[in-house]
PDB file of N, CA and C in Angstrom:
ATOM      1  N   MET A   1       9.538   8.595  13.833  1.00  0.00           N
ATOM      2  CA  MET A   1       9.162   9.110  12.546  1.00  0.00           C
ATOM      3  C   MET A   1       8.159  10.230  12.758  1.00  0.00           C
ATOM      4  N   ASN A   2       8.355  11.339  12.137  1.00  0.00           N
ATOM      5  CA  ASN A   2       7.445  12.474  12.253  1.00  0.00           C
ATOM      6  C   ASN A   2       6.355  12.389  11.201  1.00  0.00           C
ATOM      7  N   GLY A   3       5.270  13.113  11.409  1.00  0.00           N
ATOM      8  CA  GLY A   3       4.230  13.174  10.400  1.00  0.00           C
ATOM      9  C   GLY A   3       3.052  12.286  10.737  1.00  0.00           C
ATOM     10  N   LYS A   4       2.188  12.125   9.745  1.00  0.00           N
ATOM     11  CA  LYS A   4       0.932  11.414   9.928  1.00  0.00           C
ATOM     12  C   LYS A   4       1.135   9.926  10.222  1.00  0.00           C
ATOM     13  N   TYR A   5       2.102   9.292   9.577  1.00  0.00           N
ATOM     14  CA  TYR A   5       2.268   7.851   9.697  1.00  0.00           C
ATOM     15  C   TYR A   5       3.303   7.503  10.757  1.00  0.00           C
ATOM     16  N   THR A   6       2.906   6.630  11.630  1.00  0.00           N
ATOM     17  CA  THR A   6       3.814   6.124  12.657  1.00  0.00           C
ATOM     18  C   THR A   6       3.738   4.608  12.621  1.00  0.00           C
ATOM     19  N   GLU A   7       4.566   3.986  13.398  1.00  0.00           N
ATOM     20  CA  GLU A   7       4.563   2.527  13.432  1.00  0.00           C
ATOM     21  C   GLU A   7       3.203   1.963  13.816  1.00  0.00           C
ATOM     22  N   SER A   8       2.426   2.718  14.583  1.00  0.00           N
ATOM     23  CA  SER A   8       1.141   2.186  15.034  1.00  0.00           C
ATOM     24  C   SER A   8       0.068   2.230  13.956  1.00  0.00           C
ATOM     25  N   VAL A   9       0.246   3.020  12.906  1.00  0.00           N
ATOM     26  CA  VAL A   9      -0.780   3.112  11.877  1.00  0.00           C
ATOM     27  C   VAL A   9      -0.308   2.680  10.504  1.00  0.00           C
ATOM     28  N   ALA A  10       0.968   2.407  10.336  1.00  0.00           N
ATOM     29  CA  ALA A  10       1.495   2.045   9.024  1.00  0.00           C
ATOM     30  C   ALA A  10       2.445   0.867   9.134  1.00  0.00           C
ATOM     31  N   LEU A  11       2.348  -0.025   8.141  1.00  0.00           N
ATOM     32  CA  LEU A  11       3.198  -1.209   8.096  1.00  0.00           C
ATOM     33  C   LEU A  11       3.864  -1.290   6.731  1.00  0.00           C
ATOM     34  N   THR A  12       5.044  -1.858   6.701  1.00  0.00           N
ATOM     35  CA  THR A  12       5.625  -2.218   5.411  1.00  0.00           C
ATOM     36  C   THR A  12       4.898  -3.470   4.930  1.00  0.00           C
ATOM     37  N   ILE A  13       5.091  -3.821   3.687  1.00  0.00           N
ATOM     38  CA  ILE A  13       4.461  -5.031   3.170  1.00  0.00           C
ATOM     39  C   ILE A  13       4.957  -6.254   3.948  1.00  0.00           C
ATOM     40  N   ASP A  14       6.240  -6.290   4.238  1.00  0.00           N
ATOM     41  CA  ASP A  14       6.790  -7.416   5.013  1.00  0.00           C
ATOM     42  C   ASP A  14       6.179  -7.479   6.410  1.00  0.00           C
ATOM     43  N   GLU A  15       6.009  -6.326   7.062  1.00  0.00           N
ATOM     44  CA  GLU A  15       5.405  -6.301   8.396  1.00  0.00           C
ATOM     45  C   GLU A  15       3.950  -6.760   8.338  1.00  0.00           C
ATOM     46  N   ALA A  16       3.235  -6.343   7.292  1.00  0.00           N
ATOM     47  CA  ALA A  16       1.839  -6.764   7.136  1.00  0.00           C
ATOM     48  C   ALA A  16       1.769  -8.276   6.953  1.00  0.00           C
ATOM     49  N   ALA A  17       2.661  -8.838   6.158  1.00  0.00           N
ATOM     50  CA  ALA A  17       2.692 -10.290   5.966  1.00  0.00           C
ATOM     51  C   ALA A  17       2.956 -10.997   7.292  1.00  0.00           C
ATOM     52  N   ASP A  18       3.870 -10.455   8.079  1.00  0.00           N
ATOM     53  CA  ASP A  18       4.143 -11.041   9.399  1.00  0.00           C
ATOM     54  C   ASP A  18       2.899 -11.011  10.275  1.00  0.00           C
ATOM     55  N   ARG A  19       2.193  -9.887  10.284  1.00  0.00           N
ATOM     56  CA  ARG A  19       0.986  -9.775  11.108  1.00  0.00           C
ATOM     57  C   ARG A  19      -0.110 -10.711  10.635  1.00  0.00           C
ATOM     58  N   LEU A  20      -0.197 -10.891   9.314  1.00  0.00           N
ATOM     59  CA  LEU A  20      -1.200 -11.794   8.758  1.00  0.00           C
ATOM     60  C   LEU A  20      -0.787 -13.255   8.877  1.00  0.00           C
ATOM     61  N   GLN A  21       0.457 -13.476   9.234  1.00  0.00           N
ATOM     62  CA  GLN A  21       1.038 -14.819   9.351  1.00  0.00           C
ATOM     63  C   GLN A  21       0.930 -15.589   8.036  1.00  0.00           C
ATOM     64  N   VAL A  22       1.300 -14.880   6.958  1.00  0.00           N
ATOM     65  CA  VAL A  22       1.362 -15.486   5.623  1.00  0.00           C
ATOM     66  C   VAL A  22       2.758 -15.225   5.065  1.00  0.00           C
ATOM     67  N   PRO A  23       3.212 -16.081   4.161  1.00  0.00           N
ATOM     68  CA  PRO A  23       4.496 -15.805   3.522  1.00  0.00           C
ATOM     69  C   PRO A  23       4.440 -14.459   2.794  1.00  0.00           C
ATOM     70  N   ARG A  24       5.485 -13.686   2.906  1.00  0.00           N
ATOM     71  CA  ARG A  24       5.462 -12.363   2.292  1.00  0.00           C
ATOM     72  C   ARG A  24       5.270 -12.444   0.791  1.00  0.00           C
ATOM     73  N   GLN A  25       5.766 -13.509   0.156  1.00  0.00           N
ATOM     74  CA  GLN A  25       5.588 -13.636  -1.291  1.00  0.00           C
ATOM     75  C   GLN A  25       4.115 -13.779  -1.645  1.00  0.00           C
ATOM     76  N   ASP A  26       3.346 -14.445  -0.788  1.00  0.00           N
ATOM     77  CA  ASP A  26       1.903 -14.561  -1.026  1.00  0.00           C
ATOM     78  C   ASP A  26       1.251 -13.185  -1.037  1.00  0.00           C
ATOM     79  N   LEU A  27       1.640 -12.335  -0.092  1.00  0.00           N
ATOM     80  CA  LEU A  27       1.075 -10.990  -0.034  1.00  0.00           C
ATOM     81  C   LEU A  27       1.524 -10.175  -1.240  1.00  0.00           C
ATOM     82  N   TYR A  28       2.789 -10.279  -1.613  1.00  0.00           N
ATOM     83  CA  TYR A  28       3.269  -9.586  -2.808  1.00  0.00           C
ATOM     84  C   TYR A  28       2.496 -10.062  -4.039  1.00  0.00           C
ATOM     85  N   ASN A  29       2.219 -11.362  -4.140  1.00  0.00           N
ATOM     86  CA  ASN A  29       1.475 -11.891  -5.281  1.00  0.00           C
ATOM     87  C   ASN A  29       0.053 -11.339  -5.318  1.00  0.00           C
ATOM     88  N   LEU A  30      -0.610 -11.258  -4.176  1.00  0.00           N
ATOM     89  CA  LEU A  30      -1.952 -10.684  -4.123  1.00  0.00           C
ATOM     90  C   LEU A  30      -1.942  -9.221  -4.572  1.00  0.00           C
ATOM     91  N   ILE A  31      -0.950  -8.487  -4.106  1.00  0.00           N
ATOM     92  CA  ILE A  31      -0.841  -7.073  -4.479  1.00  0.00           C
ATOM     93  C   ILE A  31      -0.608  -6.942  -5.980  1.00  0.00           C
ATOM     94  N   ALA A  32       0.285  -7.757  -6.519  1.00  0.00           N
ATOM     95  CA  ALA A  32       0.587  -7.705  -7.955  1.00  0.00           C
ATOM     96  C   ALA A  32      -0.641  -8.055  -8.791  1.00  0.00           C
ATOM     97  N   ALA A  33      -1.499  -8.934  -8.289  1.00  0.00           N
ATOM     98  CA  ALA A  33      -2.707  -9.337  -8.997  1.00  0.00           C
ATOM     99  C   ALA A  33      -3.851  -8.343  -8.803  1.00  0.00           C
ATOM    100  N   GLY A  34      -3.613  -7.306  -8.005  1.00  0.00           N
ATOM    101  CA  GLY A  34      -4.656  -6.316  -7.749  1.00  0.00           C
ATOM    102  C   GLY A  34      -5.681  -6.776  -6.732  1.00  0.00           C
ATOM    103  N   GLU A  35      -5.351  -7.806  -5.955  1.00  0.00           N
ATOM    104  CA  GLU A  35      -6.278  -8.368  -4.975  1.00  0.00           C
ATOM    105  C   GLU A  35      -5.826  -8.144  -3.536  1.00  0.00           C
ATOM    106  N   GLY A  36      -4.733  -7.427  -3.353  1.00  0.00           N
ATOM    107  CA  GLY A  36      -4.196  -7.204  -2.019  1.00  0.00           C
ATOM    108  C   GLY A  36      -4.751  -5.946  -1.388  1.00  0.00           C
ATOM    109  N   PRO A  37      -4.294  -5.655  -0.183  1.00  0.00           N
ATOM    110  CA  PRO A  37      -4.739  -4.441   0.501  1.00  0.00           C
ATOM    111  C   PRO A  37      -4.222  -3.202  -0.231  1.00  0.00           C
ATOM    112  N   PRO A  38      -4.908  -2.078  -0.069  1.00  0.00           N
ATOM    113  CA  PRO A  38      -4.465  -0.858  -0.736  1.00  0.00           C
ATOM    114  C   PRO A  38      -3.139  -0.367  -0.164  1.00  0.00           C
ATOM    115  N   LEU A  39      -2.304   0.133  -1.040  1.00  0.00           N
ATOM    116  CA  LEU A  39      -0.984   0.626  -0.661  1.00  0.00           C
ATOM    117  C   LEU A  39      -0.971   2.142  -0.661  1.00  0.00           C
ATOM    118  N   ALA A  40      -0.052   2.697   0.089  1.00  0.00           N
ATOM    119  CA  ALA A  40       0.180   4.142   0.100  1.00  0.00           C
ATOM    120  C   ALA A  40       1.681   4.375  -0.006  1.00  0.00           C
ATOM    121  N   ARG A  41       2.047   5.517  -0.516  1.00  0.00           N
ATOM    122  CA  ARG A  41       3.467   5.878  -0.622  1.00  0.00           C
ATOM    123  C   ARG A  41       3.797   6.872   0.477  1.00  0.00           C
ATOM    124  N   LEU A  42       4.924   6.667   1.095  1.00  0.00           N
ATOM    125  CA  LEU A  42       5.455   7.578   2.106  1.00  0.00           C
ATOM    126  C   LEU A  42       6.890   7.849   1.699  1.00  0.00           C
ATOM    127  N   GLY A  43       7.091   8.920   0.942  1.00  0.00           N
ATOM    128  CA  GLY A  43       8.407   9.171   0.374  1.00  0.00           C
ATOM    129  C   GLY A  43       8.732   8.056  -0.595  1.00  0.00           C
ATOM    130  N   LEU A  44       9.819   7.383  -0.366  1.00  0.00           N
ATOM    131  CA  LEU A  44      10.214   6.262  -1.226  1.00  0.00           C
ATOM    132  C   LEU A  44       9.674   4.931  -0.738  1.00  0.00           C
ATOM    133  N   ARG A  45       9.035   4.947   0.422  1.00  0.00           N
ATOM    134  CA  ARG A  45       8.538   3.701   1.018  1.00  0.00           C
ATOM    135  C   ARG A  45       7.107   3.426   0.602  1.00  0.00           C
ATOM    136  N   THR A  46       6.800   2.165   0.416  1.00  0.00           N
ATOM    137  CA  THR A  46       5.433   1.720   0.192  1.00  0.00           C
ATOM    138  C   THR A  46       4.936   1.146   1.505  1.00  0.00           C
ATOM    139  N   ILE A  47       3.776   1.628   1.953  1.00  0.00           N
ATOM    140  CA  ILE A  47       3.233   1.193   3.237  1.00  0.00           C
ATOM    141  C   ILE A  47       1.799   0.725   3.070  1.00  0.00           C
ATOM    142  N   ILE A  48       1.330   0.043   4.070  1.00  0.00           N
ATOM    143  CA  ILE A  48      -0.066  -0.345   4.183  1.00  0.00           C
ATOM    144  C   ILE A  48      -0.575   0.244   5.490  1.00  0.00           C
ATOM    145  N   GLU A  49      -1.603   1.075   5.406  1.00  0.00           N
ATOM    146  CA  GLU A  49      -2.184   1.628   6.626  1.00  0.00           C
ATOM    147  C   GLU A  49      -2.914   0.513   7.363  1.00  0.00           C
ATOM    148  N   CYS A  50      -2.762   0.466   8.676  1.00  0.00           N
ATOM    149  CA  CYS A  50      -3.383  -0.598   9.471  1.00  0.00           C
ATOM    150  C   CYS A  50      -4.898  -0.626   9.282  1.00  0.00           C
ATOM    151  N   GLU A  51      -5.530   0.549   9.242  1.00  0.00           N
ATOM    152  CA  GLU A  51      -6.982   0.605   9.037  1.00  0.00           C
ATOM    153  C   GLU A  51      -7.361   0.034   7.681  1.00  0.00           C
ATOM    154  N   ALA A  52      -6.571   0.325   6.656  1.00  0.00           N
ATOM    155  CA  ALA A  52      -6.843  -0.205   5.318  1.00  0.00           C
ATOM    156  C   ALA A  52      -6.675  -1.723   5.308  1.00  0.00           C
ATOM    157  N   LEU A  53      -5.696  -2.220   6.032  1.00  0.00           N
ATOM    158  CA  LEU A  53      -5.483  -3.664   6.115  1.00  0.00           C
ATOM    159  C   LEU A  53      -6.674  -4.339   6.793  1.00  0.00           C
ATOM    160  N   LEU A  54      -7.178  -3.739   7.859  1.00  0.00           N
ATOM    161  CA  LEU A  54      -8.340  -4.298   8.553  1.00  0.00           C
ATOM    162  C   LEU A  54      -9.578  -4.293   7.666  1.00  0.00           C
ATOM    163  N   ARG A  55      -9.814  -3.183   6.944  1.00  0.00           N
ATOM    164  CA  ARG A  55     -10.966  -3.116   6.037  1.00  0.00           C
ATOM    165  C   ARG A  55     -10.848  -4.171   4.939  1.00  0.00           C
ATOM    166  N   TRP A  56      -9.637  -4.357   4.408  1.00  0.00           N
ATOM    167  CA  TRP A  56      -9.395  -5.354   3.365  1.00  0.00           C
ATOM    168  C   TRP A  56      -9.696  -6.761   3.902  1.00  0.00           C
ATOM    169  N   LEU A  57      -9.229  -7.056   5.111  1.00  0.00           N
ATOM    170  CA  LEU A  57      -9.493  -8.366   5.722  1.00  0.00           C
ATOM    171  C   LEU A  57     -10.987  -8.587   5.923  1.00  0.00           C
ATOM    172  N   GLU A  58     -11.682  -7.565   6.405  1.00  0.00           N
ATOM    173  CA  GLU A  58     -13.123  -7.690   6.616  1.00  0.00           C
ATOM    174  C   GLU A  58     -13.844  -7.944   5.296  1.00  0.00           C
ATOM    175  N   ALA A  59     -13.461  -7.231   4.255  1.00  0.00           N
ATOM    176  CA  ALA A  59     -14.087  -7.403   2.948  1.00  0.00           C
ATOM    177  C   ALA A  59     -13.843  -8.806   2.409  1.00  0.00           C
ATOM    178  N   ARG A  60     -12.634  -9.327   2.586  1.00  0.00           N
ATOM    179  CA  ARG A  60     -12.325 -10.692   2.124  1.00  0.00           C
ATOM    180  C   ARG A  60     -13.142 -11.710   2.914  1.00  0.00           C
ATOM    181  N   GLY A  61     -13.298 -11.478   4.209  1.00  0.00           N
ATOM    182  CA  GLY A  61     -14.097 -12.384   5.033  1.00  0.00           C
ATOM    183  C   GLY A  61     -15.559 -12.377   4.625  1.00  0.00           C
ATOM    184  N   GLU A  62     -16.096 -11.184   4.340  1.00  0.00           N
ATOM    185  CA  GLU A  62     -17.489 -11.079   3.914  1.00  0.00           C
ATOM    186  C   GLU A  62     -17.685 -11.742   2.550  1.00  0.00           C
ATOM    187  N   ALA A  63     -16.733 -11.558   1.641  1.00  0.00           N
ATOM    188  CA  ALA A  63     -16.834 -12.159   0.314  1.00  0.00           C
ATOM    189  C   ALA A  63     -16.783 -13.687   0.416  1.00  0.00           C
ATOM    190  N   ALA A  64     -15.905 -14.190   1.266  1.00  0.00           N
ATOM    191  CA  ALA A  64     -15.794 -15.637   1.450  1.00  0.00           C
ATOM    192  C   ALA A  64     -17.070 -16.204   2.066  1.00  0.00           C
ATOM    193  N   GLN A  65     -17.632 -15.461   2.994  1.00  0.00           N
ATOM    194  CA  GLN A  65     -18.865 -15.926   3.642  1.00  0.00           C
ATOM    195  C   GLN A  65     -20.024 -15.928   2.651  1.00  0.00           C
ATOM    196  N   SER A  66     -20.123 -14.932   1.809  1.00  0.00           N
ATOM    197  CA  SER A  66     -21.212 -14.894   0.842  1.00  0.00           C
ATOM    198  C   SER A  66     -21.071 -15.998  -0.192  1.00  0.00           C
ATOM    199  N   ARG A  67     -19.822 -16.336  -0.562  1.00  0.00           N
ATOM    200  CA  ARG A  67     -19.610 -17.447  -1.489  1.00  0.00           C
ATOM    201  C   ARG A  67     -19.994 -18.779  -0.839  1.00  0.00           C
ATOM    202  N   ALA A  68     -19.715 -18.917   0.431  1.00  0.00           N
ATOM    203  CA  ALA A  68     -20.000 -20.168   1.134  1.00  0.00           C
ATOM    204  C   ALA A  68     -21.499 -20.372   1.343  1.00  0.00           C
ATOM    205  N   TYR A  69     -22.220 -19.278   1.566  1.00  0.00           N
ATOM    206  CA  TYR A  69     -23.643 -19.386   1.864  1.00  0.00           C
ATOM    207  C   TYR A  69     -24.512 -18.864   0.744  1.00  0.00           C
ATOM    208  N   GLY A  70     -23.890 -18.426  -0.381  1.00  0.00           N
ATOM    209  CA  GLY A  70     -24.643 -17.812  -1.479  1.00  0.00           C
ATOM    210  C   GLY A  70     -25.215 -18.792  -2.360  1.00  0.00           C
TER     211      GLY A  70
END
């Protein structure tokens, strides 16, 4: 694939679910509720940038930790 996004920096929603080891429907539900990782459009494809996925995971971990110790 040419351009800014390659397999190493962009995932489909299904690929992201596989990497997170969660059912893809769970990830789709989070996205639909506005609580999932940020999405980007690449032509007709919807992708998740790997860096955005990592930032989203870190933010969820920090939020969970603050709730546990807050």
